[in-house]
Amino acid sequence: MSQTRPALLEILLKTAVTHSVTYVVMGLLASSILDYTRFFAETSLSLMMRPTSDPWVMAGPLLQPVRGLLFGVVFHVLREPLFGKTAPLAARVPHPS
């Protein structure tokens, strides 16, 4: 069973999609659970953080695929240590017989 390393395009696409979906889902959960709108307006965080109604904050999810692509480039550069010739963890763990 030979394993091939992931190609650049595969790494870029998977990383961009995974990062973007995770960012949006976790951002929506955190925003609603922690009530960012009120919290940022009523505390000293308003001095450091933009309000949630700011256009740059609203554009954040749209810019995440670009950030995901940057992460993908880094993963591609580190592909040998990350996806090299080592066996998956499940294959290295001895199973009780």
Protein backbone atom coordinates (compact mmCIF):
# COMPACT_ATOMS: atom_id res chain seq x y z
CA MET A 1 0.00 0.00 0.00
CA SER A 2 1.75 3.14 -1.18
CA GLN A 3 0.66 6.52 0.06
CA THR A 4 1.22 9.61 -2.02
CA ARG A 5 1.74 13.01 -0.50
CA PRO A 6 -1.05 15.50 -1.09
CA ALA A 7 -0.50 17.85 -4.03
CA LEU A 8 -0.39 21.63 -3.65
CA LEU A 9 -3.88 22.19 -5.08
CA GLU A 10 -5.39 19.52 -2.81
CA ILE A 11 -3.78 21.01 0.29
CA LEU A 12 -4.81 24.56 -0.68
CA LEU A 13 -8.44 23.67 -1.34
CA LYS A 14 -8.91 21.47 1.72
CA THR A 15 -7.25 23.99 4.01
CA ALA A 16 -9.18 26.98 2.62
CA VAL A 17 -12.55 25.21 2.87
CA THR A 18 -11.90 23.73 6.32
CA HIS A 19 -10.59 27.00 7.73
CA SER A 20 -13.42 29.09 6.25
CA VAL A 21 -16.21 26.80 7.44
CA THR A 22 -14.68 26.48 10.90
CA TYR A 23 -14.17 30.25 11.18
CA VAL A 24 -17.77 31.04 10.24
CA VAL A 25 -19.39 28.35 12.40
CA MET A 26 -17.29 29.03 15.50
CA GLY A 27 -17.55 32.80 14.99
CA LEU A 28 -21.35 32.65 14.87
CA LEU A 29 -21.47 30.42 17.95
CA ALA A 30 -19.07 32.60 19.94
CA SER A 31 -20.78 35.81 18.85
CA SER A 32 -24.21 34.62 19.90
CA ILE A 33 -23.16 32.84 23.11
CA LEU A 34 -20.85 35.62 24.32
CA ASP A 35 -23.01 38.49 22.99
CA TYR A 36 -20.13 40.28 21.27
CA THR A 37 -22.22 43.27 20.23
CA ARG A 38 -23.05 44.25 23.81
CA PHE A 39 -19.72 43.14 25.26
CA PHE A 40 -17.62 45.18 22.84
CA ALA A 41 -19.81 48.26 23.24
CA GLU A 42 -20.00 48.28 27.06
CA THR A 43 -16.45 47.38 28.07
CA SER A 44 -13.00 48.80 27.49
CA LEU A 45 -12.69 46.43 24.54
CA SER A 46 -14.41 49.14 22.51
CA LEU A 47 -11.06 50.95 22.54
CA MET A 48 -9.32 48.02 20.83
CA MET A 49 -12.04 46.17 18.87
CA ARG A 50 -14.20 47.34 16.02
CA PRO A 51 -17.96 47.09 16.58
CA THR A 52 -19.65 44.07 15.02
CA SER A 53 -21.49 46.40 12.64
CA ASP A 54 -18.22 47.69 11.13
CA PRO A 55 -17.86 46.80 7.42
CA TRP A 56 -14.40 45.25 7.99
CA VAL A 57 -15.81 42.96 10.67
CA MET A 58 -18.67 41.96 8.38
CA ALA A 59 -16.17 41.27 5.57
CA GLY A 60 -14.16 38.94 7.83
CA PRO A 61 -15.87 35.70 6.76
CA LEU A 62 -15.48 36.64 3.09
CA LEU A 63 -11.72 37.07 3.54
CA GLN A 64 -11.15 33.75 5.30
CA PRO A 65 -10.63 31.69 2.10
CA VAL A 66 -7.58 33.90 1.40
CA ARG A 67 -6.28 33.22 4.91
CA GLY A 68 -6.99 29.52 4.40
CA LEU A 69 -4.94 29.59 1.20
CA LEU A 70 -2.03 31.15 3.12
CA PHE A 71 -2.30 28.38 5.71
CA GLY A 72 -2.33 25.89 2.83
CA VAL A 73 0.91 27.31 1.44
CA VAL A 74 2.53 26.84 4.85
CA PHE A 75 1.18 23.29 5.06
CA HIS A 76 2.60 22.59 1.60
CA VAL A 77 6.02 23.89 2.62
CA LEU A 78 5.84 21.63 5.70
CA ARG A 79 4.34 18.70 3.78
CA GLU A 80 7.23 16.32 4.43
CA PRO A 81 7.08 16.59 8.24
CA LEU A 82 3.26 16.73 8.19
CA PHE A 83 2.42 14.17 5.49
CA GLY A 84 5.76 12.38 5.03
CA LYS A 85 6.61 8.74 5.17
CA THR A 86 5.51 8.13 8.75
CA ALA A 87 2.60 5.78 9.25
CA PRO A 88 -0.70 7.12 10.54
CA LEU A 89 -1.09 7.06 14.33
CA ALA A 90 -3.57 4.17 14.18
CA ALA A 91 -0.99 2.02 12.39
CA ARG A 92 1.68 2.75 15.03
CA VAL A 93 -0.43 1.98 18.08
CA PRO A 94 -0.16 -1.72 19.00
CA HIS A 95 -3.52 -3.43 19.21
CA PRO A 96 -4.13 -5.82 22.11
CA SER A 97 -4.31 -9.41 20.93
